[in-house]
Structure formats: C-alpha cells, structure tokens
C-alpha cells in the first residue's frame, strides 16, 4: 500500500532528492579528466533528474497532478537564485534545452534498443560537450550506473508514494487572485 503525500510534500521530496544529485557526477567526471563547466553541469543534472521524476511519476499519477509539481520544482530552484536577470535567463535556457532533449528520450513512444539510462548518460555528455572517447571504460560504466540509480530512486518514490490532495491541500496550492 502506497503512502499518500500531498502535492506540496511531494514537491519538497522531489526537489530535495534532485538537489543532492548535483554532487554525485562531478567526482567521476573529474577522475575521467573531463573539462566541463561546474555550473552548467549542475543545471543539466538537475533538469535531467526533474524530467526523470516527471516521466516516472506520470506512470502512477495523473498528468494534471504531476505537471504542476515538476513545474513548481523548477520555479523553486529559480526562486532560490541570487543572480542577475541575464544569468537567470541563461540558466533557464540551459535547463529548458536539457528538459526538451531529455523529454525526447524519456517520452519517446517508439521502442528503444538501448536503455533510457544510457541514452540520458550520453545526453549529459552531449549537452556538456564532453567527448565520450576520453572516458575510460570503467568510469563510463560508473557514470551509466549512476544515471541508472537516478531512475531507480525515481521508481522507488513512485512505488512508495501516491500523490493525493484533499480539499484543504487544493486550497493551499490554489493561486492567489490579486484582482480586488
């Protein structure tokens, strides 16, 4: 039996879980000798993980519930930034591009011969302009397993929790109407 969480708590769980992911991939890329931009890496990894959560949660919950939660997670991240408008716009562009490309992989209707976690691993390298040939086989496998783990965490959350909003929860998340 799944434990019930409201949208607000699920948003917090997803955001907290994804935020931790940023620090996992960098040590492997460093050992591989990859040259990458740390900030861009964090943005790409965060967007990829939000989309993995989005894809997995839509399997067990309605689109109408999941879409706003993921959108709020992105917004929560952008609201936490203390950067000027130009930097924020650049961050939004990077994350939007990542989201679009990740969605093309995750939400593809055709049968893929390669597991999604390998395609996502390759997408991360592509988006960060890291040539896969510089990564030795053992580190490549470590990166693939790391990304596969992200999918497993999302599956565990989906298997453990069901998003259920009661009437009070819906009132709390309802947008405020400032037209007086």
N, C-alpha and C. Protein backbone atom coordinates (compact mmCIF):
# COMPACT_ATOMS: atom_id res chain seq x y z
N UNK A 1 0.84 -1.17 0.00
CA UNK A 1 0.00 0.00 0.00
C UNK A 1 0.89 1.25 0.00
N UNK A 2 0.62 2.13 -0.93
CA UNK A 2 1.41 3.35 -1.05
C UNK A 2 1.01 4.36 0.03
N UNK A 3 2.02 5.06 0.52
CA UNK A 3 1.77 6.15 1.46
C UNK A 3 1.31 7.36 0.66
N UNK A 4 0.33 8.07 1.19
CA UNK A 4 -0.20 9.24 0.49
C UNK A 4 0.57 10.49 0.89
N UNK A 5 0.92 11.28 -0.12
CA UNK A 5 1.56 12.58 0.08
C UNK A 5 0.78 13.60 -0.72
N UNK A 6 0.65 14.80 -0.16
CA UNK A 6 0.01 15.83 -0.95
C UNK A 6 1.04 16.45 -1.91
N UNK A 7 0.57 17.27 -2.82
CA UNK A 7 1.43 17.85 -3.85
C UNK A 7 2.58 18.66 -3.26
N UNK A 8 2.30 19.39 -2.19
CA UNK A 8 3.33 20.23 -1.58
C UNK A 8 4.46 19.38 -1.01
N UNK A 9 4.11 18.30 -0.32
CA UNK A 9 5.13 17.42 0.26
C UNK A 9 5.88 16.67 -0.83
N UNK A 10 5.17 16.25 -1.88
CA UNK A 10 5.83 15.56 -2.99
C UNK A 10 6.81 16.51 -3.68
N UNK A 11 6.40 17.75 -3.86
CA UNK A 11 7.29 18.74 -4.46
C UNK A 11 8.57 18.88 -3.64
N UNK A 12 8.42 18.96 -2.32
CA UNK A 12 9.58 19.06 -1.43
C UNK A 12 10.47 17.84 -1.51
N UNK A 13 9.86 16.66 -1.57
CA UNK A 13 10.62 15.42 -1.68
C UNK A 13 11.40 15.38 -2.99
N UNK A 14 10.75 15.71 -4.08
CA UNK A 14 11.42 15.70 -5.39
C UNK A 14 12.54 16.73 -5.42
N UNK A 15 12.25 17.92 -4.99
CA UNK A 15 13.25 18.99 -5.02
C UNK A 15 14.47 18.62 -4.18
N UNK A 16 14.24 18.13 -2.97
CA UNK A 16 15.34 17.73 -2.10
C UNK A 16 16.15 16.58 -2.67
N UNK A 17 15.47 15.62 -3.26
CA UNK A 17 16.14 14.47 -3.85
C UNK A 17 16.98 14.89 -5.05
N UNK A 18 16.44 15.71 -5.90
CA UNK A 18 17.15 16.15 -7.11
C UNK A 18 18.33 17.05 -6.76
N UNK A 19 18.16 17.89 -5.77
CA UNK A 19 19.23 18.82 -5.38
C UNK A 19 20.50 18.07 -4.98
N UNK A 20 20.36 16.90 -4.39
CA UNK A 20 21.50 16.09 -3.95
C UNK A 20 22.26 15.52 -5.15
N UNK A 21 21.59 15.30 -6.25
CA UNK A 21 22.18 14.66 -7.42
C UNK A 21 23.34 15.44 -8.03
N UNK A 22 23.34 16.75 -7.84
CA UNK A 22 24.37 17.58 -8.47
C UNK A 22 25.78 17.20 -8.06
N UNK A 23 25.95 16.76 -6.84
CA UNK A 23 27.30 16.48 -6.35
C UNK A 23 27.78 15.07 -6.68
N UNK A 24 26.95 14.24 -7.24
CA UNK A 24 27.31 12.84 -7.48
C UNK A 24 28.15 12.63 -8.74
N UNK A 25 27.88 13.38 -9.78
CA UNK A 25 28.51 13.10 -11.06
C UNK A 25 29.88 13.78 -11.22
N UNK A 26 30.07 14.91 -10.57
CA UNK A 26 31.30 15.68 -10.76
C UNK A 26 32.58 14.92 -10.39
N UNK A 27 32.62 14.19 -9.27
CA UNK A 27 33.86 13.45 -8.96
C UNK A 27 34.23 12.43 -10.05
N UNK A 28 33.24 11.82 -10.66
CA UNK A 28 33.52 10.85 -11.73
C UNK A 28 34.06 11.57 -12.96
N UNK A 29 33.43 12.69 -13.31
CA UNK A 29 33.92 13.47 -14.46
C UNK A 29 35.33 13.99 -14.20
N UNK A 30 35.61 14.38 -12.96
CA UNK A 30 36.95 14.85 -12.60
C UNK A 30 37.98 13.73 -12.77
N UNK A 31 37.66 12.54 -12.28
CA UNK A 31 38.58 11.39 -12.42
C UNK A 31 38.79 11.03 -13.89
N UNK A 32 37.76 11.27 -14.72
CA UNK A 32 37.87 10.96 -16.15
C UNK A 32 38.70 11.99 -16.89
N UNK A 33 38.97 13.12 -16.23
CA UNK A 33 39.73 14.17 -16.89
C UNK A 33 38.88 15.02 -17.82
N UNK A 34 37.58 14.97 -17.64
CA UNK A 34 36.68 15.76 -18.50
C UNK A 34 36.75 17.22 -18.12
N UNK A 35 36.70 18.06 -19.12
CA UNK A 35 36.64 19.50 -18.89
C UNK A 35 35.18 19.91 -19.05
N UNK A 36 34.64 20.51 -18.00
CA UNK A 36 33.24 20.89 -18.02
C UNK A 36 33.06 22.12 -17.15
N UNK A 37 31.95 22.80 -17.35
CA UNK A 37 31.59 23.96 -16.54
C UNK A 37 30.75 23.45 -15.38
N UNK A 38 31.22 23.68 -14.15
CA UNK A 38 30.54 23.13 -12.97
C UNK A 38 29.10 23.63 -12.85
N UNK A 39 28.87 24.90 -13.11
CA UNK A 39 27.51 25.44 -13.01
C UNK A 39 26.60 24.83 -14.06
N UNK A 40 27.10 24.76 -15.29
CA UNK A 40 26.30 24.16 -16.36
C UNK A 40 26.01 22.69 -16.04
N UNK A 41 27.00 22.00 -15.50
CA UNK A 41 26.82 20.60 -15.12
C UNK A 41 25.69 20.47 -14.10
N UNK A 42 25.67 21.34 -13.10
CA UNK A 42 24.63 21.29 -12.08
C UNK A 42 23.25 21.54 -12.68
N UNK A 43 23.16 22.49 -13.59
CA UNK A 43 21.88 22.79 -14.23
C UNK A 43 21.39 21.63 -15.08
N UNK A 44 22.29 21.03 -15.85
CA UNK A 44 21.93 19.91 -16.71
C UNK A 44 21.49 18.71 -15.86
N UNK A 45 22.27 18.39 -14.84
CA UNK A 45 21.94 17.24 -13.98
C UNK A 45 20.61 17.47 -13.27
N UNK A 46 20.38 18.68 -12.79
CA UNK A 46 19.12 18.97 -12.11
C UNK A 46 17.94 18.83 -13.07
N UNK A 47 18.05 19.41 -14.25
CA UNK A 47 16.95 19.32 -15.22
C UNK A 47 16.70 17.87 -15.63
N UNK A 48 17.76 17.11 -15.86
CA UNK A 48 17.61 15.70 -16.24
C UNK A 48 16.88 14.95 -15.13
N UNK A 49 17.26 15.18 -13.89
CA UNK A 49 16.62 14.49 -12.78
C UNK A 49 15.17 14.91 -12.57
N UNK A 50 14.87 16.19 -12.76
CA UNK A 50 13.46 16.61 -12.70
C UNK A 50 12.65 15.87 -13.76
N UNK A 51 13.22 15.72 -14.95
CA UNK A 51 12.49 15.06 -16.03
C UNK A 51 12.39 13.55 -15.82
N UNK A 52 13.39 12.94 -15.21
CA UNK A 52 13.28 11.52 -14.85
C UNK A 52 12.13 11.35 -13.86
N UNK A 53 12.09 12.21 -12.85
CA UNK A 53 10.99 12.16 -11.86
C UNK A 53 9.64 12.38 -12.56
N UNK A 54 9.60 13.35 -13.46
CA UNK A 54 8.39 13.67 -14.22
C UNK A 54 7.91 12.42 -14.96
N UNK A 55 8.81 11.80 -15.69
CA UNK A 55 8.48 10.63 -16.50
C UNK A 55 7.99 9.47 -15.63
N UNK A 56 8.69 9.19 -14.55
CA UNK A 56 8.33 8.06 -13.69
C UNK A 56 7.02 8.33 -12.94
N UNK A 57 6.87 9.53 -12.39
CA UNK A 57 5.65 9.83 -11.62
C UNK A 57 4.40 9.81 -12.48
N UNK A 58 4.53 10.10 -13.77
CA UNK A 58 3.35 10.06 -14.65
C UNK A 58 2.86 8.64 -14.87
N UNK A 59 3.68 7.66 -14.53
CA UNK A 59 3.23 6.27 -14.65
C UNK A 59 2.18 5.92 -13.59
N UNK A 60 2.29 6.55 -12.41
CA UNK A 60 1.39 6.18 -11.33
C UNK A 60 0.45 7.29 -10.87
N UNK A 61 0.53 8.44 -11.51
CA UNK A 61 -0.28 9.58 -11.12
C UNK A 61 -0.77 10.30 -12.38
N UNK A 62 -1.80 11.09 -12.21
CA UNK A 62 -2.34 11.78 -13.38
C UNK A 62 -1.44 12.94 -13.79
N UNK A 63 -1.48 13.22 -15.07
CA UNK A 63 -0.69 14.31 -15.66
C UNK A 63 -1.04 15.64 -14.99
N UNK A 64 -2.32 15.84 -14.68
CA UNK A 64 -2.79 17.09 -14.09
C UNK A 64 -2.18 17.34 -12.71
N UNK A 65 -1.77 16.28 -12.03
CA UNK A 65 -1.14 16.41 -10.71
C UNK A 65 0.38 16.56 -10.86
N UNK A 66 0.97 15.76 -11.73
CA UNK A 66 2.43 15.71 -11.85
C UNK A 66 3.00 16.97 -12.50
N UNK A 67 2.36 17.44 -13.57
CA UNK A 67 2.89 18.61 -14.30
C UNK A 67 3.12 19.82 -13.40
N UNK A 68 2.12 20.24 -12.58
CA UNK A 68 2.36 21.40 -11.72
C UNK A 68 3.45 21.17 -10.68
N UNK A 69 3.56 19.94 -10.18
CA UNK A 69 4.59 19.64 -9.18
C UNK A 69 5.97 19.85 -9.77
N UNK A 70 6.21 19.29 -10.96
CA UNK A 70 7.52 19.44 -11.60
C UNK A 70 7.77 20.90 -11.96
N UNK A 71 6.75 21.57 -12.47
CA UNK A 71 6.89 23.00 -12.78
C UNK A 71 7.24 23.81 -11.55
N UNK A 72 6.63 23.48 -10.42
CA UNK A 72 6.93 24.17 -9.17
C UNK A 72 8.35 23.88 -8.69
N UNK A 73 8.85 22.68 -8.96
CA UNK A 73 10.23 22.34 -8.58
C UNK A 73 11.21 23.23 -9.36
N UNK A 74 10.98 23.37 -10.65
CA UNK A 74 11.83 24.27 -11.45
C UNK A 74 11.73 25.69 -10.89
N UNK A 75 10.51 26.15 -10.63
CA UNK A 75 10.31 27.51 -10.14
C UNK A 75 10.97 27.71 -8.79
N UNK A 76 10.89 26.70 -7.95
CA UNK A 76 11.52 26.77 -6.63
C UNK A 76 13.03 26.97 -6.77
N UNK A 77 13.62 26.25 -7.73
CA UNK A 77 15.05 26.41 -7.97
C UNK A 77 15.36 27.83 -8.44
N UNK A 78 14.63 28.32 -9.43
CA UNK A 78 14.89 29.66 -9.95
C UNK A 78 14.65 30.74 -8.90
N UNK A 79 13.68 30.52 -8.02
CA UNK A 79 13.42 31.49 -6.96
C UNK A 79 14.54 31.50 -5.91
N UNK A 80 15.30 30.42 -5.82
CA UNK A 80 16.38 30.35 -4.84
C UNK A 80 17.67 31.03 -5.32
N UNK A 81 17.70 31.42 -6.59
CA UNK A 81 18.91 32.01 -7.16
C UNK A 81 19.07 33.46 -6.75
N UNK A 82 20.30 33.82 -6.50
CA UNK A 82 20.65 35.22 -6.24
C UNK A 82 21.59 35.68 -7.34
N UNK A 83 21.04 35.79 -8.54
CA UNK A 83 21.82 36.19 -9.71
C UNK A 83 21.04 37.26 -10.48
N UNK A 84 21.75 37.96 -11.35
CA UNK A 84 21.07 39.00 -12.13
C UNK A 84 20.18 38.36 -13.20
N UNK A 85 19.36 39.17 -13.83
CA UNK A 85 18.37 38.69 -14.79
C UNK A 85 19.01 37.99 -15.99
N UNK A 86 20.15 38.48 -16.46
CA UNK A 86 20.82 37.86 -17.61
C UNK A 86 21.33 36.46 -17.28
N UNK A 87 21.91 36.31 -16.10
CA UNK A 87 22.41 34.99 -15.68
C UNK A 87 21.24 34.04 -15.50
N UNK A 88 20.18 34.52 -14.87
CA UNK A 88 19.00 33.68 -14.67
C UNK A 88 18.42 33.24 -16.02
N UNK A 89 18.35 34.14 -16.96
CA UNK A 89 17.83 33.80 -18.30
C UNK A 89 18.72 32.75 -18.96
N UNK A 90 20.02 32.84 -18.79
CA UNK A 90 20.93 31.84 -19.34
C UNK A 90 20.71 30.48 -18.67
N UNK A 91 20.54 30.48 -17.34
CA UNK A 91 20.27 29.24 -16.62
C UNK A 91 18.95 28.62 -17.10
N UNK A 92 17.94 29.45 -17.27
CA UNK A 92 16.65 28.96 -17.75
C UNK A 92 16.77 28.36 -19.15
N UNK A 93 17.59 28.98 -20.00
CA UNK A 93 17.80 28.48 -21.36
C UNK A 93 18.47 27.11 -21.32
N UNK A 94 19.51 26.96 -20.49
CA UNK A 94 20.22 25.68 -20.38
C UNK A 94 19.27 24.59 -19.88
N UNK A 95 18.51 24.91 -18.84
CA UNK A 95 17.60 23.90 -18.28
C UNK A 95 16.46 23.58 -19.24
N UNK A 96 15.98 24.56 -19.96
CA UNK A 96 14.91 24.33 -20.94
C UNK A 96 15.39 23.43 -22.07
N UNK A 97 16.59 23.70 -22.55
CA UNK A 97 17.17 22.87 -23.62
C UNK A 97 17.36 21.43 -23.12
N UNK A 98 17.84 21.30 -21.90
CA UNK A 98 18.04 19.97 -21.31
C UNK A 98 16.71 19.26 -21.17
N UNK A 99 15.70 19.96 -20.65
CA UNK A 99 14.37 19.39 -20.47
C UNK A 99 13.82 18.89 -21.80
N UNK A 100 13.93 19.70 -22.84
CA UNK A 100 13.40 19.33 -24.14
C UNK A 100 14.08 18.07 -24.67
N UNK A 101 15.40 18.01 -24.60
CA UNK A 101 16.12 16.84 -25.12
C UNK A 101 15.89 15.60 -24.27
N UNK A 102 15.82 15.78 -22.94
CA UNK A 102 15.54 14.64 -22.06
C UNK A 102 14.14 14.09 -22.33
N UNK A 103 13.19 15.00 -22.51
CA UNK A 103 11.81 14.57 -22.80
C UNK A 103 11.73 13.79 -24.11
N UNK A 104 12.53 14.18 -25.10
CA UNK A 104 12.55 13.45 -26.37
C UNK A 104 12.97 11.99 -26.15
N UNK A 105 13.86 11.77 -25.21
CA UNK A 105 14.32 10.41 -24.90
C UNK A 105 13.31 9.70 -24.01
N UNK A 106 12.90 10.35 -22.94
CA UNK A 106 12.06 9.70 -21.93
C UNK A 106 10.64 9.43 -22.42
N UNK A 107 10.07 10.37 -23.14
CA UNK A 107 8.67 10.24 -23.53
C UNK A 107 8.50 9.69 -24.95
N UNK A 108 9.59 9.18 -25.53
CA UNK A 108 9.51 8.60 -26.88
C UNK A 108 8.56 7.41 -26.87
N UNK A 109 7.72 7.36 -27.86
CA UNK A 109 6.72 6.29 -27.95
C UNK A 109 7.28 5.03 -28.60
N UNK A 110 8.33 5.18 -29.38
CA UNK A 110 8.87 4.01 -30.07
C UNK A 110 9.76 3.21 -29.12
N UNK A 111 9.95 1.95 -29.45
CA UNK A 111 10.77 1.07 -28.64
C UNK A 111 12.25 1.37 -28.88
N UNK A 112 12.96 1.65 -27.83
CA UNK A 112 14.39 1.94 -27.96
C UNK A 112 15.19 0.69 -27.64
N UNK A 113 16.21 0.45 -28.44
CA UNK A 113 17.04 -0.74 -28.25
C UNK A 113 18.04 -0.56 -27.12
N UNK A 114 18.32 0.68 -26.77
CA UNK A 114 19.26 0.99 -25.71
C UNK A 114 18.46 1.48 -24.49
N UNK A 115 18.84 1.05 -23.29
CA UNK A 115 18.10 1.52 -22.11
C UNK A 115 18.12 3.05 -21.99
N UNK A 116 17.06 3.58 -21.43
CA UNK A 116 16.93 5.04 -21.31
C UNK A 116 18.06 5.64 -20.48
N UNK A 117 18.53 4.93 -19.46
CA UNK A 117 19.58 5.50 -18.63
C UNK A 117 20.88 5.69 -19.41
N UNK A 118 21.15 4.84 -20.39
CA UNK A 118 22.35 5.02 -21.22
C UNK A 118 22.15 6.21 -22.15
N UNK A 119 20.97 6.34 -22.71
CA UNK A 119 20.68 7.50 -23.57
C UNK A 119 20.78 8.81 -22.79
N UNK A 120 20.31 8.80 -21.55
CA UNK A 120 20.39 10.01 -20.71
C UNK A 120 21.85 10.31 -20.37
N UNK A 121 22.63 9.28 -20.06
CA UNK A 121 24.07 9.47 -19.79
C UNK A 121 24.75 10.12 -21.01
N UNK A 122 24.44 9.61 -22.19
CA UNK A 122 25.03 10.17 -23.42
C UNK A 122 24.53 11.60 -23.66
N UNK A 123 23.28 11.87 -23.31
CA UNK A 123 22.74 13.22 -23.45
C UNK A 123 23.49 14.20 -22.56
N UNK A 124 23.76 13.81 -21.33
CA UNK A 124 24.51 14.68 -20.42
C UNK A 124 25.87 15.03 -21.02
N UNK A 125 26.56 14.03 -21.53
CA UNK A 125 27.86 14.29 -22.16
C UNK A 125 27.71 15.22 -23.35
N UNK A 126 26.70 14.98 -24.16
CA UNK A 126 26.47 15.82 -25.35
C UNK A 126 26.19 17.28 -24.95
N UNK A 127 25.31 17.46 -23.99
CA UNK A 127 24.94 18.81 -23.58
C UNK A 127 26.11 19.58 -22.96
N UNK A 128 27.01 18.84 -22.34
CA UNK A 128 28.17 19.48 -21.71
C UNK A 128 29.40 19.46 -22.61
N UNK A 129 29.21 19.00 -23.84
CA UNK A 129 30.29 18.97 -24.82
C UNK A 129 31.50 18.18 -24.33
N UNK A 130 31.21 17.02 -23.72
CA UNK A 130 32.26 16.11 -23.25
C UNK A 130 32.30 14.94 -24.23
N UNK A 131 33.46 14.71 -24.80
CA UNK A 131 33.62 13.59 -25.74
C UNK A 131 33.70 12.28 -24.96
N UNK A 132 32.84 11.34 -25.32
CA UNK A 132 32.80 10.07 -24.61
C UNK A 132 34.11 9.30 -24.74
N UNK A 133 34.85 9.51 -25.81
CA UNK A 133 36.09 8.76 -26.03
C UNK A 133 37.15 9.04 -24.97
N UNK A 134 37.06 10.18 -24.29
CA UNK A 134 38.06 10.48 -23.26
C UNK A 134 37.78 9.76 -21.95
N UNK A 135 36.59 9.17 -21.83
CA UNK A 135 36.21 8.49 -20.59
C UNK A 135 36.51 7.01 -20.71
N UNK A 136 37.40 6.52 -19.86
CA UNK A 136 37.77 5.11 -19.93
C UNK A 136 36.58 4.23 -19.54
N UNK A 137 36.64 2.98 -19.94
CA UNK A 137 35.51 2.06 -19.83
C UNK A 137 34.98 1.93 -18.40
N UNK A 138 35.87 1.84 -17.40
CA UNK A 138 35.40 1.65 -16.02
C UNK A 138 34.64 2.89 -15.54
N UNK A 139 35.11 4.07 -15.90
CA UNK A 139 34.43 5.29 -15.50
C UNK A 139 33.13 5.48 -16.29
N UNK A 140 33.12 5.04 -17.53
CA UNK A 140 31.90 5.09 -18.34
C UNK A 140 30.82 4.23 -17.67
N UNK A 141 31.23 3.04 -17.24
CA UNK A 141 30.29 2.14 -16.58
C UNK A 141 29.79 2.75 -15.26
N UNK A 142 30.69 3.41 -14.54
CA UNK A 142 30.32 4.07 -13.29
C UNK A 142 29.30 5.18 -13.54
N UNK A 143 29.50 5.95 -14.60
CA UNK A 143 28.54 7.01 -14.96
C UNK A 143 27.20 6.42 -15.36
N UNK A 144 27.22 5.34 -16.14
CA UNK A 144 25.97 4.69 -16.54
C UNK A 144 25.21 4.18 -15.32
N UNK A 145 25.94 3.57 -14.37
CA UNK A 145 25.30 3.05 -13.16
C UNK A 145 24.74 4.19 -12.30
N UNK A 146 25.45 5.30 -12.27
CA UNK A 146 24.96 6.46 -11.53
C UNK A 146 23.62 6.94 -12.10
N UNK A 147 23.57 7.08 -13.41
CA UNK A 147 22.33 7.54 -14.05
C UNK A 147 21.22 6.49 -13.87
N UNK A 148 21.58 5.22 -13.97
CA UNK A 148 20.59 4.16 -13.73
C UNK A 148 20.04 4.28 -12.31
N UNK A 149 20.91 4.64 -11.37
CA UNK A 149 20.48 4.83 -9.98
C UNK A 149 19.47 5.96 -9.85
N UNK A 150 19.62 7.01 -10.67
CA UNK A 150 18.65 8.10 -10.63
C UNK A 150 17.26 7.59 -11.01
N UNK A 151 17.22 6.71 -12.01
CA UNK A 151 15.95 6.12 -12.42
C UNK A 151 15.38 5.26 -11.29
N UNK A 152 16.25 4.51 -10.61
CA UNK A 152 15.79 3.64 -9.52
C UNK A 152 15.24 4.45 -8.35
N UNK A 153 15.85 5.57 -8.04
CA UNK A 153 15.35 6.43 -6.97
C UNK A 153 13.97 6.97 -7.35
N UNK A 154 13.81 7.41 -8.58
CA UNK A 154 12.51 7.91 -9.05
C UNK A 154 11.46 6.80 -8.98
N UNK A 155 11.83 5.60 -9.40
CA UNK A 155 10.90 4.45 -9.33
C UNK A 155 10.52 4.15 -7.89
N UNK A 156 11.50 4.22 -6.98
CA UNK A 156 11.23 3.94 -5.56
C UNK A 156 10.24 4.96 -5.00
N UNK A 157 10.43 6.23 -5.35
CA UNK A 157 9.49 7.26 -4.89
C UNK A 157 8.10 6.99 -5.45
N UNK A 158 8.03 6.65 -6.73
CA UNK A 158 6.73 6.36 -7.36
C UNK A 158 6.08 5.12 -6.73
N UNK A 159 6.87 4.12 -6.38
CA UNK A 159 6.33 2.90 -5.79
C UNK A 159 5.92 3.09 -4.33
N UNK A 160 6.58 4.01 -3.64
CA UNK A 160 6.33 4.23 -2.22
C UNK A 160 5.19 5.22 -1.94
N UNK A 161 5.04 6.21 -2.81
CA UNK A 161 4.11 7.30 -2.54
C UNK A 161 3.09 7.48 -3.65
N UNK A 162 1.91 7.90 -3.25
CA UNK A 162 0.85 8.28 -4.18
C UNK A 162 0.49 9.72 -3.86
N UNK A 163 0.35 10.53 -4.89
CA UNK A 163 0.03 11.94 -4.70
C UNK A 163 -1.49 12.07 -4.55
N UNK A 164 -1.90 12.54 -3.38
CA UNK A 164 -3.33 12.70 -3.08
C UNK A 164 -3.51 14.05 -2.41
N UNK A 165 -4.30 14.90 -3.03
CA UNK A 165 -4.60 16.21 -2.46
C UNK A 165 -6.04 16.22 -1.98
N UNK A 166 -6.22 16.55 -0.70
CA UNK A 166 -7.59 16.70 -0.21
C UNK A 166 -8.03 18.14 -0.45
N UNK A 167 -9.23 18.47 -0.06
CA UNK A 167 -9.79 19.79 -0.34
C UNK A 167 -8.94 20.91 0.27
N UNK A 168 -8.45 20.71 1.49
CA UNK A 168 -7.61 21.72 2.16
C UNK A 168 -6.30 21.93 1.40
N UNK A 169 -5.70 20.83 0.93
CA UNK A 169 -4.44 20.93 0.18
C UNK A 169 -4.65 21.72 -1.11
N UNK A 170 -5.76 21.45 -1.79
CA UNK A 170 -6.04 22.15 -3.04
C UNK A 170 -6.23 23.65 -2.81
N UNK A 171 -6.81 24.02 -1.67
CA UNK A 171 -6.98 25.44 -1.34
C UNK A 171 -5.62 26.10 -1.09
N UNK A 172 -4.70 25.38 -0.46
CA UNK A 172 -3.37 25.92 -0.15
C UNK A 172 -2.55 26.18 -1.41
N UNK A 173 -2.72 25.32 -2.41
CA UNK A 173 -1.89 25.47 -3.62
C UNK A 173 -2.60 26.28 -4.71
N UNK A 174 -3.81 26.70 -4.43
CA UNK A 174 -4.57 27.49 -5.40
C UNK A 174 -3.89 28.86 -5.55
N UNK A 175 -3.74 29.33 -6.79
CA UNK A 175 -3.11 30.65 -7.00
C UNK A 175 -3.91 31.75 -6.33
N UNK A 176 -3.21 32.75 -5.85
CA UNK A 176 -3.85 33.89 -5.21
C UNK A 176 -4.34 34.86 -6.29
N UNK A 177 -5.59 35.27 -6.17
CA UNK A 177 -6.15 36.23 -7.11
C UNK A 177 -5.98 37.62 -6.52
N UNK A 178 -5.16 38.45 -7.15
CA UNK A 178 -4.88 39.78 -6.64
C UNK A 178 -5.83 40.84 -7.22
N UNK A 179 -6.81 40.43 -7.98
CA UNK A 179 -7.79 41.38 -8.51
C UNK A 179 -8.83 41.68 -7.43
N UNK A 180 -8.75 42.87 -6.86
CA UNK A 180 -9.69 43.23 -5.78
C UNK A 180 -10.78 44.09 -6.32
